[in-house]
Amino acid sequence: MLSDSTDSTGSTDSSRPSGSSDSIVFGAGGFIGRSLVAELLRRGHRVAAGVRGSGGGLTAWLDEQGVDRTALRVVRADITVPGLGLPQDALSGVRDVYNTAARFAFGITAAQARAVNVTGAVQLVAWAAGLPELRRVVHISGYRMAAAGGGPPDYRRLGAYEASKQEGDAAVRARAGELGVPLSVANPSTVIGPGQYLGLAEVVSGLWQGRLRALPGGPGVFLPVVPLDHFVRFLAALPQDPGSAGRTYWVLDDSTPELPALVGLLAGHMGVRSPTRSIPLGLLRRLPRAITRADPETLSFLSTDRYDTAAARALSAAHGLSMAPVQAALREWTDDLVATRFGRSGPCRRPYGFHGVAGTRTWVTGERRRPGYVLLHGLLLSADAWAGTADHLDAPALAPDLPGFGRSGAGAGTLDDWLTDLLRPVETRPVLVAHSLACGPALRYAAARPERLAALVLVAPAFLQRPSAAVLRSPLAVPLLRTAPADRLARSLGLSEGPGCEALALDLRRAGAARRAVAALRDAHRQRAELRRVLRELRLPVHIVVGSADPLAEPVDTPVTVIEDAGHCPQLTRPEAVARLLTSCRERAAAPGTTS
């Protein structure tokens, strides 16, 4: 049985043995490598993925992306050892060799960086030279190669990562020339996409947390980006183009805004304040890291240089490749960063992203226009608190982060105005579900617009439970909340410690978050009596849900469900039980004869 592989003209070669790989990607488990593997597989290539471990992370990621792995072969490889730890005859059919392996980290030693970025890269070229059907080796350097001089790189000035990449670039070219290896070099700028948490992502993180008080480098600084999907398509196209052998390509978006405008764009998207001051690069280099909070190695990337992208643009045009508009790509990447809190929390429910709601940049997950449920979280939590419940619901859900909490920006208006605007584009009559603090605005919305809702469900309504401790409503609580470790926050909410609680701690450390939480507690305490009155007069199906360990303290004339073995957050500890109850409420509201 024979398998097909595509040559540079798009025709097929059926002389290859079944199961042989036509491409190999080293560093296949990394940020760029795994996406390149996915791109090659989608194009019909038979791909060998070179990884140092078992490859379980790569295959799991490919499955999440819906990539067919039938033509994938995972092989153990280590480019830091001669021969790469591979039996060459087992991969003799490989034509295209991609080196996406790199030691990308700041603060490492020169020996650690050189082992992969210099020695490993050269050994990979030597290994590829022995392939009988070799068509191309594609090596990734970096866009700052344009600033490299002719002599040995200065490890002390540049740092181990950047210096080793410059040394490796020169060494790879020299070795490829000696061995007659057809080489293409891609010099990307910051590659942005899901999973990129280094480099420019650290600037975005400081901005989101409110810790970026001044712009590094000042006006004119150019930190270009290239979207991940475009870059891997570009890499996949290089061996197909005979004219790309022996050439170097700077792959980046020339229209990337200069750093001040870029930061302003992202600040506006996230609803945070953009710094108005800047620190000259010379001063940054002299200031201690404790003040700048910047790794000294990142400073070499702060430059006003521009780059010759003509060759990359011509090759992209020849192969029908184009980049998404850079501002849209930056916003989408920012959403991906914030979704996982810069890699420090679990994945977020899709679709997600920032939306403008009542003048507030609001983090929204789920179905925006036709939800069966709208899920509002309580104090200290975020929309993530509803993820487990939403997985078991019978209809799509809309779950936002309240203004000033979770990932959302702070709003100047009231929660009532925000909720009204959030639900304005909703075309269905959803079940409105609110937890704890959010019960107040949800109840007032239901009283003002009962015709817009199918039912109202109040989970652990704070105004019907024991009042919060006075100290939690005082200014003394602000520093306590801001510095509270995840385990303490978990205990206060009756939860087990886990990644979700770590996310709560991260959210509370954002600028102003703890102060807003205490102010919200004070406001909620003042509204207790008024909310009980609104509940008594409500003309809409309403149901109350509490945990057995956190019962109501006030009598009500409303159906109440008590969930056993649950506390103040039953949606977190007993999500399936809460989902069953919400589904039942929606079914009852939809039954013939039900009135609002």
Protein backbone atom coordinates (compact mmCIF):
# COMPACT_ATOMS: atom_id res chain seq x y z
CA MET A 1 0.00 0.00 0.00
CA LEU A 2 1.35 3.44 -0.93
CA SER A 3 0.77 6.90 0.54
CA ASP A 4 0.72 10.23 -1.23
CA SER A 5 2.93 13.22 -0.46
CA THR A 6 2.74 16.61 -2.15
CA ASP A 7 5.77 18.07 -3.91
CA SER A 8 6.52 21.72 -4.59
CA THR A 9 4.26 21.82 -7.63
CA GLY A 10 1.25 20.38 -5.82
CA SER A 11 1.44 17.01 -7.59
CA THR A 12 1.61 13.76 -5.63
CA ASP A 13 4.40 11.24 -5.29
CA SER A 14 3.02 7.73 -4.74
CA SER A 15 6.46 6.10 -4.58
CA ARG A 16 6.74 6.59 -0.87
CA PRO A 17 6.15 3.63 1.49
CA SER A 18 2.93 3.64 3.48
CA GLY A 19 3.35 5.28 6.87
CA SER A 20 6.57 7.17 6.01
CA SER A 21 6.71 10.81 7.05
CA ASP A 22 7.43 13.56 4.55
CA SER A 23 7.98 16.29 7.17
CA ILE A 24 9.49 16.41 10.63
CA VAL A 25 8.99 19.20 13.17
CA PHE A 26 11.49 19.46 16.01
CA GLY A 27 10.19 21.23 19.11
CA ALA A 28 6.74 19.98 18.14
CA GLY A 29 5.33 20.34 21.63
CA GLY A 30 6.06 24.07 21.81
CA PHE A 31 3.91 27.09 21.07
CA ILE A 32 4.93 27.38 17.40
CA GLY A 33 5.78 23.73 16.85
CA ARG A 34 2.42 22.29 17.74
CA SER A 35 0.58 24.78 15.54
CA LEU A 36 2.93 23.99 12.65
CA VAL A 37 2.23 20.28 13.12
CA ALA A 38 -1.50 21.02 12.97
CA GLU A 39 -1.09 23.13 9.82
CA LEU A 40 0.94 20.46 8.04
CA LEU A 41 -1.53 17.73 8.98
CA ARG A 42 -4.43 19.83 7.70
CA ARG A 43 -2.53 20.24 4.42
CA GLY A 44 -2.32 16.48 4.01
CA HIS A 45 1.30 15.95 5.04
CA ARG A 46 2.51 12.90 6.92
CA VAL A 47 4.25 14.45 9.90
CA ALA A 48 6.82 13.21 12.38
CA ALA A 49 6.65 15.27 15.56
CA GLY A 50 9.97 15.40 17.38
CA VAL A 51 9.49 15.81 21.12
CA ARG A 52 11.67 15.18 24.16
CA GLY A 53 8.92 13.47 26.18
CA SER A 54 6.03 11.19 25.37
CA GLY A 55 4.14 13.69 23.23
CA GLY A 56 0.98 13.31 25.29
CA GLY A 57 0.59 17.06 25.63
CA LEU A 58 0.89 17.53 21.88
CA THR A 59 -1.65 14.86 20.98
CA ALA A 60 -4.10 16.13 23.60
CA TRP A 61 -3.77 19.66 22.21
CA LEU A 62 -4.30 18.45 18.63
CA ASP A 63 -7.42 16.59 19.74
CA GLU A 64 -8.75 19.79 21.36
CA GLN A 65 -8.22 21.57 18.05
CA GLY A 66 -10.08 18.87 16.15
CA VAL A 67 -7.00 17.89 14.09
CA ASP A 68 -6.99 14.43 12.51
CA ARG A 69 -3.88 12.61 13.82
CA THR A 70 -4.01 9.67 11.42
CA ALA A 71 -0.90 10.90 9.56
CA LEU A 72 1.01 11.86 12.71
CA ARG A 73 3.98 9.98 14.11
CA VAL A 74 5.42 11.08 17.45
CA VAL A 75 9.14 10.40 17.85
CA ARG A 76 11.43 11.04 20.79
CA ALA A 77 14.20 13.43 19.82
CA ASP A 78 16.75 15.59 21.56
CA ILE A 79 18.61 18.07 19.38
CA THR A 80 21.20 18.66 22.12
CA VAL A 81 22.79 15.23 21.50
CA PRO A 82 24.64 14.13 18.33
CA GLY A 83 22.33 12.33 15.97
CA LEU A 84 19.35 13.87 17.83
CA GLY A 85 18.67 10.49 19.43
CA LEU A 86 16.97 9.33 16.22
CA PRO A 87 17.51 6.27 14.00
CA GLN A 88 17.97 8.07 10.70
CA ASP A 89 16.91 5.17 8.50
CA ALA A 90 13.48 5.18 10.13
CA LEU A 91 12.92 8.73 8.81
CA SER A 92 14.71 8.43 5.50
CA GLY A 93 11.62 9.55 3.57
CA VAL A 94 11.53 12.95 5.24
CA ARG A 95 11.92 15.82 2.78
CA ASP A 96 11.21 18.89 4.91
CA VAL A 97 12.83 19.53 8.28
CA TYR A 98 11.56 22.29 10.57
CA ASN A 99 13.46 23.51 13.59
CA THR A 100 10.99 25.19 15.95
CA ALA A 101 12.96 24.07 19.02
CA ALA A 102 14.45 26.89 21.06
CA ARG A 103 15.28 27.73 24.64
CA PHE A 104 13.13 30.86 24.94
CA ALA A 105 13.53 32.23 28.46
CA PHE A 106 15.16 35.17 30.16
CA GLY A 107 17.59 34.80 33.04
CA ILE A 108 19.08 31.48 31.92
CA THR A 109 22.82 30.82 31.66
CA ALA A 110 24.77 31.00 28.42
CA ALA A 111 25.41 27.24 28.59
CA GLN A 112 21.70 26.49 28.92
CA ALA A 113 20.82 28.73 25.98
CA ARG A 114 23.65 27.56 23.71
CA ALA A 115 22.85 23.87 24.22
CA VAL A 116 19.62 24.26 22.24
CA ASN A 117 19.92 27.50 20.29
CA VAL A 118 23.46 26.94 18.98
CA THR A 119 24.77 23.38 19.42
CA GLY A 120 21.37 21.77 18.96
CA ALA A 121 20.50 23.83 15.90
CA VAL A 122 23.82 22.97 14.21
CA GLN A 123 23.44 19.27 15.01
CA LEU A 124 19.96 19.34 13.49
CA VAL A 125 21.41 20.65 10.21
CA ALA A 126 24.05 17.91 10.21
CA TRP A 127 21.38 15.26 10.80
CA ALA A 128 19.22 16.63 8.01
CA ALA A 129 22.19 16.54 5.60
CA GLY A 130 22.07 12.75 5.76
CA LEU A 131 18.46 12.47 4.56
CA PRO A 132 18.45 11.03 1.04
CA GLU A 133 15.29 12.91 -0.02
CA LEU A 134 15.93 16.20 1.77
CA ARG A 135 14.20 19.15 0.10
CA ARG A 136 14.53 21.88 2.74
CA VAL A 137 15.56 22.76 6.27
CA VAL A 138 13.55 25.61 7.74
CA HIS A 139 15.23 27.35 10.67
CA ILE A 140 13.58 29.98 12.90
CA SER A 141 15.75 32.82 14.16
CA GLY A 142 14.21 36.17 15.12
CA TYR A 143 13.55 39.63 13.78
CA ARG A 144 16.30 41.21 15.88
CA MET A 145 18.83 39.36 13.70
CA ALA A 146 18.72 42.63 11.74
CA ALA A 147 20.59 44.26 14.61
CA ALA A 148 23.27 41.57 14.82
CA GLY A 149 26.79 42.65 13.89
CA GLY A 150 29.35 40.61 12.04
CA GLY A 151 31.31 39.56 15.10
CA PRO A 152 30.51 37.29 18.05
CA PRO A 153 27.42 38.37 19.98
CA ASP A 154 27.86 40.12 23.32
CA TYR A 155 26.31 37.72 25.85
CA ARG A 156 26.78 40.16 28.70
CA ARG A 157 24.98 43.02 26.96
CA LEU A 158 22.24 41.05 25.17
CA GLY A 159 21.62 38.25 27.65
CA ALA A 160 21.88 34.53 27.02
CA TYR A 161 18.70 34.08 24.96
CA GLU A 162 19.19 36.83 22.39
CA ALA A 163 22.95 36.31 22.11
CA SER A 164 22.57 32.55 21.63
CA LYS A 165 19.96 33.08 18.90
CA GLN A 166 22.36 35.40 17.06
CA GLU A 167 25.23 32.95 17.43
CA GLY A 168 23.00 30.06 16.40
CA ASP A 169 21.80 31.90 13.30
CA ALA A 170 25.36 32.42 12.06
CA ALA A 171 26.42 28.87 12.95
CA VAL A 172 23.43 27.27 11.21
CA ARG A 173 24.07 29.23 8.00
CA ALA A 174 27.74 28.29 8.03
CA ARG A 175 27.11 24.59 8.64
CA ALA A 176 24.35 24.43 6.02
CA GLY A 177 26.76 26.00 3.49
CA GLU A 178 29.49 23.49 4.31
CA LEU A 179 27.14 20.51 3.93
CA GLY A 180 25.18 21.82 0.95
CA VAL A 181 21.92 21.81 2.88
CA PRO A 182 19.08 23.82 1.28
CA LEU A 183 18.19 26.25 4.07
CA SER A 184 15.41 28.80 4.56
CA VAL A 185 15.51 31.12 7.56
CA ALA A 186 12.42 32.77 9.03
CA ASN A 187 12.90 35.76 11.31
CA PRO A 188 9.56 36.34 13.06
CA SER A 189 8.72 39.18 15.39
CA THR A 190 6.62 38.45 18.50
CA VAL A 191 4.32 35.65 17.42
CA ILE A 192 0.90 36.23 18.98
CA GLY A 193 -1.77 33.64 19.52
CA PRO A 194 -3.29 31.39 22.19
CA GLY A 195 -0.57 30.17 24.54
CA GLN A 196 1.96 32.98 24.00
CA TYR A 197 2.68 34.33 27.49
CA LEU A 198 6.21 35.70 27.04
CA GLY A 199 7.69 38.95 25.76
CA LEU A 200 5.02 41.47 24.84
CA ALA A 201 2.51 39.43 26.85
CA GLU A 202 4.25 40.60 30.01
CA VAL A 203 3.57 44.21 29.02
CA VAL A 204 -0.10 43.35 28.51
CA SER A 205 -0.16 41.59 31.90
CA GLY A 206 1.23 44.66 33.67
CA LEU A 207 -1.37 46.79 31.92
CA TRP A 208 -4.25 44.49 32.90
CA GLN A 209 -3.12 44.32 36.52
CA GLY A 210 -2.70 48.11 36.73
CA ARG A 211 1.04 47.86 37.36
CA LEU A 212 2.30 49.41 34.13
CA ARG A 213 2.79 52.96 35.39
CA ALA A 214 5.03 54.18 32.55
CA LEU A 215 5.81 53.14 29.00
CA PRO A 216 9.25 51.60 28.50
CA GLY A 217 11.41 53.33 25.94
CA GLY A 218 9.15 56.20 24.96
CA PRO A 219 7.81 57.23 21.54
CA GLY A 220 9.00 55.54 18.37
CA VAL A 221 9.59 52.13 19.95
CA PHE A 222 8.47 49.44 17.50
CA LEU A 223 7.57 45.98 18.85
CA PRO A 224 6.08 44.29 15.79
CA VAL A 225 3.86 41.24 15.92
CA VAL A 226 2.80 38.45 13.58
CA PRO A 227 -0.28 36.24 14.13
CA LEU A 228 0.54 32.59 14.86
CA ASP A 229 -1.82 31.24 12.18
CA HIS A 230 -0.13 33.32 9.47
CA PHE A 231 3.36 32.41 10.62
CA VAL A 232 2.80 28.64 10.53
CA ARG A 233 1.15 28.91 7.12
CA PHE A 234 4.22 30.84 5.97
CA LEU A 235 6.55 28.15 7.36
CA ALA A 236 4.54 25.41 5.65
CA ALA A 237 4.79 27.25 2.33
CA LEU A 238 8.57 27.76 2.37
CA PRO A 239 9.63 24.28 1.14
CA GLN A 240 6.97 24.40 -1.58
CA ASP A 241 8.66 27.43 -3.12
CA PRO A 242 11.92 26.47 -4.88
CA GLY A 243 13.04 30.09 -4.87
CA SER A 244 13.00 30.29 -1.06
CA ALA A 245 16.08 28.05 -0.66
CA GLY A 246 19.04 30.01 0.64
CA ARG A 247 16.92 33.02 1.57
CA THR A 248 16.00 34.83 4.78
CA TYR A 249 12.58 36.28 5.52
CA TRP A 250 11.54 38.86 8.09
CA VAL A 251 7.99 37.84 8.98
CA LEU A 252 6.05 40.55 10.79
CA ASP A 253 3.22 43.02 10.34
CA ASP A 254 4.67 46.40 9.32
CA SER A 255 1.44 48.09 10.39
CA THR A 256 1.86 47.13 14.06
CA PRO A 257 1.33 50.39 16.01
CA GLU A 258 4.32 51.89 17.77
CA LEU A 259 4.44 50.92 21.43
CA PRO A 260 2.54 53.92 22.90
CA ALA A 261 -0.33 53.47 20.43
CA LEU A 262 -0.25 49.69 20.85
CA VAL A 263 -0.54 49.97 24.62
CA GLY A 264 -3.33 52.53 24.25
CA LEU A 265 -5.20 50.19 21.91
CA LEU A 266 -5.01 47.28 24.35
CA ALA A 267 -5.83 49.43 27.37
CA GLY A 268 -8.98 50.65 25.65
CA HIS A 269 -9.93 47.10 24.72
CA MET A 270 -9.56 45.85 28.31
CA GLY A 271 -11.03 48.92 29.96
CA VAL A 272 -7.93 49.82 31.97
CA ARG A 273 -5.90 52.99 32.26
CA SER A 274 -3.08 53.51 29.78
CA PRO A 275 0.12 55.07 31.16
CA THR A 276 0.81 58.59 29.99
CA ARG A 277 4.46 58.77 31.04
CA SER A 278 7.48 57.04 29.53
CA ILE A 279 10.95 56.11 30.74
CA PRO A 280 13.87 56.61 28.33
CA LEU A 281 15.70 53.44 27.43
CA GLY A 282 19.01 54.69 28.79
CA LEU A 283 17.47 55.32 32.19
CA LEU A 284 15.72 51.93 32.13
CA ARG A 285 19.07 50.21 31.69
CA ARG A 286 20.48 51.97 34.73
CA LEU A 287 17.53 51.45 37.07
CA PRO A 288 17.41 48.31 39.26
CA ARG A 289 15.02 45.55 38.28
CA ALA A 290 13.13 45.97 41.57
CA ILE A 291 11.97 49.36 40.29
CA THR A 292 11.45 48.65 36.59
CA ARG A 293 9.95 45.15 37.09
CA ALA A 294 11.45 44.36 33.69
CA ASP A 295 14.00 41.69 32.89
CA PRO A 296 17.14 43.45 31.62
CA GLU A 297 17.29 41.02 28.67
CA THR A 298 14.02 42.37 27.29
CA LEU A 299 15.46 45.85 26.85
CA SER A 300 17.32 44.94 23.66
CA PHE A 301 13.93 44.49 21.98
CA LEU A 302 12.98 48.11 22.70
CA SER A 303 14.11 49.68 19.46
CA THR A 304 12.96 52.13 16.81
CA ASP A 305 14.38 49.92 14.02
CA ARG A 306 12.27 48.92 11.04
CA TYR A 307 12.70 45.73 9.02
CA ASP A 308 12.75 44.69 5.37
CA THR A 309 9.68 42.50 4.89
CA ALA A 310 9.49 42.73 1.09
CA ALA A 311 10.61 39.13 0.50
CA ALA A 312 8.16 37.74 3.05
CA ARG A 313 5.31 39.78 1.60
CA ALA A 314 6.11 38.59 -1.91
CA LEU A 315 6.20 34.93 -0.89
CA SER A 316 2.94 35.33 1.06
CA ALA A 317 1.26 36.88 -1.95
CA ALA A 318 2.53 34.11 -4.23
CA HIS A 319 0.97 31.50 -1.95
CA GLY A 320 -2.25 33.36 -1.24
CA LEU A 321 -1.38 34.10 2.40
CA SER A 322 -2.57 37.19 4.23
CA MET A 323 -2.60 38.38 7.81
CA ALA A 324 -5.65 39.43 9.76
CA PRO A 325 -5.77 43.22 10.42
CA VAL A 326 -3.22 43.79 13.16
CA GLN A 327 -5.55 45.64 15.53
CA ALA A 328 -8.10 42.82 15.39
CA ALA A 329 -5.32 40.25 15.88
CA LEU A 330 -3.99 42.13 18.93
CA ARG A 331 -7.45 42.35 20.49
CA GLU A 332 -8.10 38.66 19.92
CA TRP A 333 -4.74 37.73 21.44
CA THR A 334 -5.45 39.96 24.43
CA ASP A 335 -8.73 38.12 24.95
CA ASP A 336 -6.81 34.83 24.89
CA LEU A 337 -4.30 36.15 27.43
CA VAL A 338 -6.96 37.42 29.81
CA ALA A 339 -9.05 34.26 29.39
CA THR A 340 -6.35 32.22 31.17
CA ARG A 341 -5.10 35.12 33.27
CA PHE A 342 -1.83 34.98 31.37
CA GLY A 343 -1.45 31.23 31.72
CA ARG A 344 -2.14 31.10 35.46
CA SER A 345 -5.72 29.77 35.43
CA GLY A 346 -7.61 27.12 33.53
CA PRO A 347 -9.25 27.49 30.13
CA CYS A 348 -12.27 29.74 29.78
CA ARG A 349 -15.56 28.79 28.16
CA ARG A 350 -15.78 29.87 24.52
CA PRO A 351 -16.85 32.13 23.01
CA TYR A 352 -15.31 34.80 25.21
CA GLY A 353 -13.97 38.33 25.03
CA PHE A 354 -14.41 41.96 26.00
CA HIS A 355 -17.58 43.80 24.99
CA GLY A 356 -18.77 47.33 25.60
CA VAL A 357 -21.70 47.28 28.05
CA ALA A 358 -23.04 50.57 29.44
CA GLY A 359 -19.67 52.21 28.89
CA THR A 360 -17.81 49.40 30.65
CA ARG A 361 -15.42 46.94 29.02
CA THR A 362 -17.12 43.76 30.16
CA TRP A 363 -15.75 40.22 29.96
CA VAL A 364 -18.48 38.05 28.43
CA THR A 365 -18.55 34.29 27.88
CA GLY A 366 -21.17 32.23 26.10
CA GLU A 367 -24.15 33.08 23.92
CA ARG A 368 -24.78 36.81 23.67
CA ARG A 369 -28.06 37.03 21.71
CA ARG A 370 -30.11 33.87 22.23
CA PRO A 371 -29.22 32.42 25.64
CA GLY A 372 -31.53 30.14 27.58
CA TYR A 373 -29.90 31.35 30.79
CA VAL A 374 -28.10 34.47 31.98
CA LEU A 375 -25.73 33.66 34.85
CA LEU A 376 -24.50 36.43 37.18
CA HIS A 377 -21.75 35.68 39.69
CA GLY A 378 -21.41 36.91 43.26
CA LEU A 379 -18.74 38.85 45.11
CA LEU A 380 -15.10 37.67 44.81
CA LEU A 381 -16.07 35.32 41.97
CA SER A 382 -16.17 35.62 38.18
CA ALA A 383 -18.11 34.04 35.33
CA ASP A 384 -15.81 31.02 35.75
CA ALA A 385 -17.89 30.08 38.79
CA TRP A 386 -20.71 29.02 36.45
CA ALA A 387 -18.61 26.88 34.08
CA GLY A 388 -19.44 23.55 35.72
CA THR A 389 -23.14 24.36 35.91
CA ALA A 390 -23.28 25.61 32.32
CA ASP A 391 -21.80 22.30 31.12
CA HIS A 392 -24.95 20.52 32.33
CA LEU A 393 -27.63 22.97 31.19
CA ASP A 394 -30.11 22.20 28.43
CA ALA A 395 -29.59 25.50 26.60
CA PRO A 396 -26.75 27.99 25.94
CA ALA A 397 -25.85 30.42 28.69
CA LEU A 398 -24.55 33.98 28.82
CA ALA A 399 -22.13 34.55 31.72
CA PRO A 400 -20.39 37.93 32.14
CA ASP A 401 -17.95 39.20 34.74
CA LEU A 402 -19.58 42.03 36.71
CA PRO A 403 -18.06 45.50 36.21
CA GLY A 404 -14.89 45.89 38.24
CA PHE A 405 -14.71 42.20 39.11
CA GLY A 406 -13.12 39.15 37.53
CA ARG A 407 -11.69 40.24 34.19
CA SER A 408 -14.04 43.19 33.52
CA GLY A 409 -13.01 46.79 33.65
CA ALA A 410 -14.40 49.12 36.30
CA GLY A 411 -17.65 50.89 35.42
CA ALA A 412 -18.72 54.39 36.33
CA GLY A 413 -22.46 53.65 36.31
CA THR A 414 -24.69 51.42 38.43
CA LEU A 415 -25.04 47.65 38.22
CA ASP A 416 -28.69 48.18 37.33
CA ASP A 417 -27.80 50.26 34.24
CA TRP A 418 -25.10 47.75 33.29
CA LEU A 419 -27.49 44.78 33.52
CA THR A 420 -30.12 46.58 31.45
CA ASP A 421 -27.60 47.23 28.70
CA LEU A 422 -26.18 43.70 28.90
CA LEU A 423 -29.62 42.21 28.25
CA ARG A 424 -30.64 44.75 25.61
CA PRO A 425 -29.49 42.64 22.62
CA VAL A 426 -30.91 39.39 24.05
CA GLU A 427 -33.62 38.10 21.72
CA THR A 428 -35.00 35.34 23.98
CA ARG A 429 -36.75 35.30 27.37
CA PRO A 430 -33.99 33.67 29.41
CA VAL A 431 -33.95 32.43 32.97
CA LEU A 432 -32.00 35.07 34.88
CA VAL A 433 -29.82 33.41 37.54
CA ALA A 434 -27.99 35.52 40.11
CA HIS A 435 -25.70 34.58 42.97
CA SER A 436 -25.22 36.45 46.26
CA LEU A 437 -24.36 40.12 45.56
CA ALA A 438 -25.79 39.94 42.01
CA CYS A 439 -29.24 39.06 43.36
CA GLY A 440 -29.95 42.75 44.00
CA PRO A 441 -29.61 44.09 40.45
CA ALA A 442 -31.19 40.90 39.05
CA LEU A 443 -34.23 41.32 41.29
CA ARG A 444 -34.69 44.98 40.37
CA TYR A 445 -34.36 44.15 36.66
CA ALA A 446 -36.99 41.40 36.99
CA ALA A 447 -39.35 43.81 38.78
CA ALA A 448 -38.92 46.49 36.11
CA ARG A 449 -39.01 44.22 33.04
CA PRO A 450 -40.76 40.93 33.87
CA GLU A 451 -41.80 40.51 30.23
CA ARG A 452 -38.12 40.11 29.21
CA LEU A 453 -37.55 37.04 31.42
CA ALA A 454 -38.90 33.51 31.68
CA ALA A 455 -38.05 33.21 35.38
CA LEU A 456 -35.71 34.45 38.09
CA VAL A 457 -33.49 32.20 40.23
CA LEU A 458 -31.68 33.64 43.24
CA VAL A 459 -28.77 31.54 44.50
CA ALA A 460 -27.68 32.28 48.09
CA PRO A 461 -29.33 35.75 48.07
CA ALA A 462 -27.22 37.77 50.49
CA PHE A 463 -30.12 40.04 51.50
CA LEU A 464 -31.98 37.03 52.95
CA GLN A 465 -29.00 35.53 54.77
CA ARG A 466 -26.94 36.57 57.76
CA PRO A 467 -25.34 40.01 57.28
CA SER A 468 -21.64 40.10 56.51
CA ALA A 469 -19.29 40.92 59.38
CA ALA A 470 -18.85 44.65 59.97
CA VAL A 471 -15.08 44.40 59.57
CA LEU A 472 -15.54 43.15 55.99
CA ARG A 473 -17.41 46.35 55.16
CA SER A 474 -14.72 48.60 56.62
CA PRO A 475 -11.59 50.04 54.97
CA LEU A 476 -9.57 47.55 57.05
CA ALA A 477 -10.80 44.78 54.75
CA VAL A 478 -9.20 46.24 51.61
CA PRO A 479 -5.56 45.24 52.32
CA LEU A 480 -6.75 41.94 53.77
CA LEU A 481 -8.55 41.03 50.56
CA ARG A 482 -5.78 42.32 48.32
CA THR A 483 -3.17 40.11 49.98
CA ALA A 484 -5.34 37.12 50.90
CA PRO A 485 -3.83 33.81 49.77
CA ALA A 486 -5.94 31.47 47.67
CA ASP A 487 -6.52 28.97 50.50
CA ARG A 488 -7.95 31.66 52.78
CA LEU A 489 -10.30 32.90 50.08
CA ALA A 490 -11.39 29.32 49.46
CA ARG A 491 -12.24 28.79 53.12
CA SER A 492 -14.20 32.05 53.28
CA LEU A 493 -16.40 30.83 50.42
CA GLY A 494 -16.68 27.28 51.68
CA LEU A 495 -14.63 25.89 48.79
CA SER A 496 -11.80 23.44 48.38
CA GLU A 497 -8.50 24.99 47.38
CA GLY A 498 -7.71 24.62 43.68
CA PRO A 499 -6.82 26.48 40.46
CA GLY A 500 -10.14 28.32 40.56
CA CYS A 501 -9.31 29.85 43.93
CA GLU A 502 -5.90 30.90 42.69
CA ALA A 503 -7.76 32.84 39.99
CA LEU A 504 -9.81 34.61 42.67
CA ALA A 505 -6.62 35.75 44.36
CA LEU A 506 -5.22 37.02 41.05
CA ASP A 507 -8.38 38.98 40.32
CA LEU A 508 -8.34 40.63 43.75
CA ARG A 509 -4.77 41.81 43.21
CA ARG A 510 -5.78 43.88 40.20
CA ALA A 511 -5.68 47.61 40.81
CA GLY A 512 -8.75 48.71 42.79
CA ALA A 513 -10.42 45.27 42.87
CA ALA A 514 -10.30 44.81 46.64
CA ARG A 515 -11.53 48.35 47.23
CA ARG A 516 -14.46 47.78 44.87
CA ALA A 517 -15.35 44.53 46.65
CA VAL A 518 -15.57 46.23 50.03
CA ALA A 519 -17.63 49.10 48.61
CA ALA A 520 -20.02 46.58 47.03
CA LEU A 521 -20.45 44.84 50.38
CA ARG A 522 -21.37 48.14 52.03
CA ASP A 523 -23.91 48.96 49.31
CA ALA A 524 -25.48 45.51 49.50
CA HIS A 525 -25.83 45.77 53.27
CA ARG A 526 -27.75 49.05 52.95
CA GLN A 527 -30.17 47.51 50.43
CA ARG A 528 -31.28 44.46 52.42
CA ALA A 529 -34.69 45.74 53.54
CA GLU A 530 -35.53 47.30 50.16
CA LEU A 531 -34.70 44.07 48.30
CA ARG A 532 -36.94 42.02 50.59
CA ARG A 533 -39.80 44.39 49.72
CA VAL A 534 -39.10 44.07 45.96
CA LEU A 535 -39.11 40.27 46.28
CA ARG A 536 -42.50 40.28 48.00
CA GLU A 537 -44.03 42.39 45.21
CA LEU A 538 -42.41 40.58 42.28
CA ARG A 539 -44.76 39.33 39.53
CA LEU A 540 -42.54 36.73 37.90
CA PRO A 541 -41.79 33.05 38.59
CA VAL A 542 -38.94 33.09 41.12
CA HIS A 543 -37.05 30.34 42.88
CA ILE A 544 -34.46 30.54 45.66
CA VAL A 545 -31.53 28.13 46.01
CA VAL A 546 -29.33 27.81 49.08
CA GLY A 547 -26.79 25.35 50.40
CA SER A 548 -27.59 23.40 53.54
CA ALA A 549 -24.57 24.94 55.29
CA ASP A 550 -25.66 28.49 54.43
CA PRO A 551 -29.43 28.71 55.04
CA LEU A 552 -31.79 31.67 54.79
CA ALA A 553 -32.06 33.89 57.83
CA GLU A 554 -35.30 35.58 56.73
CA PRO A 555 -38.71 33.94 56.08
CA VAL A 556 -39.95 34.10 52.47
CA ASP A 557 -43.13 33.32 50.58
CA THR A 558 -41.13 31.93 47.67
CA PRO A 559 -40.19 28.35 46.66
CA VAL A 560 -36.83 27.43 48.18
CA THR A 561 -34.57 24.50 47.31
CA VAL A 562 -31.90 23.49 49.80
CA ILE A 563 -28.93 21.65 48.26
CA GLU A 564 -27.35 19.26 50.72
CA ASP A 565 -23.62 19.31 51.39
CA ALA A 566 -23.29 22.79 49.91
CA GLY A 567 -22.43 26.19 51.33
CA HIS A 568 -22.59 29.71 49.92
CA CYS A 569 -21.51 28.65 46.40
CA PRO A 570 -23.54 25.55 45.45
CA GLN A 571 -22.88 26.21 41.77
CA LEU A 572 -19.20 25.47 42.45
CA THR A 573 -19.51 22.53 44.82
CA ARG A 574 -22.68 20.91 43.40
CA PRO A 575 -22.88 22.16 39.79
CA GLU A 576 -24.94 19.23 38.46
CA ALA A 577 -27.58 19.67 41.16
CA VAL A 578 -27.84 23.39 40.43
CA ALA A 579 -28.05 22.70 36.68
CA ARG A 580 -30.91 20.23 37.20
CA LEU A 581 -32.80 22.80 39.21
CA LEU A 582 -32.26 25.56 36.63
CA THR A 583 -33.38 23.26 33.81
CA SER A 584 -36.50 22.41 35.78
CA CYS A 585 -37.25 26.12 36.32
CA ARG A 586 -36.90 26.80 32.60
CA GLU A 587 -39.16 23.87 31.69
CA ARG A 588 -41.84 25.06 34.12
CA ALA A 589 -41.64 28.60 32.77
CA ALA A 590 -42.11 27.28 29.22
CA ALA A 591 -45.05 25.03 30.12
CA PRO A 592 -48.49 26.02 28.72
CA GLY A 593 -50.47 28.19 31.08
CA THR A 594 -47.42 29.66 32.81
CA THR A 595 -47.78 33.39 33.33
CA SER A 596 -45.39 36.04 34.41
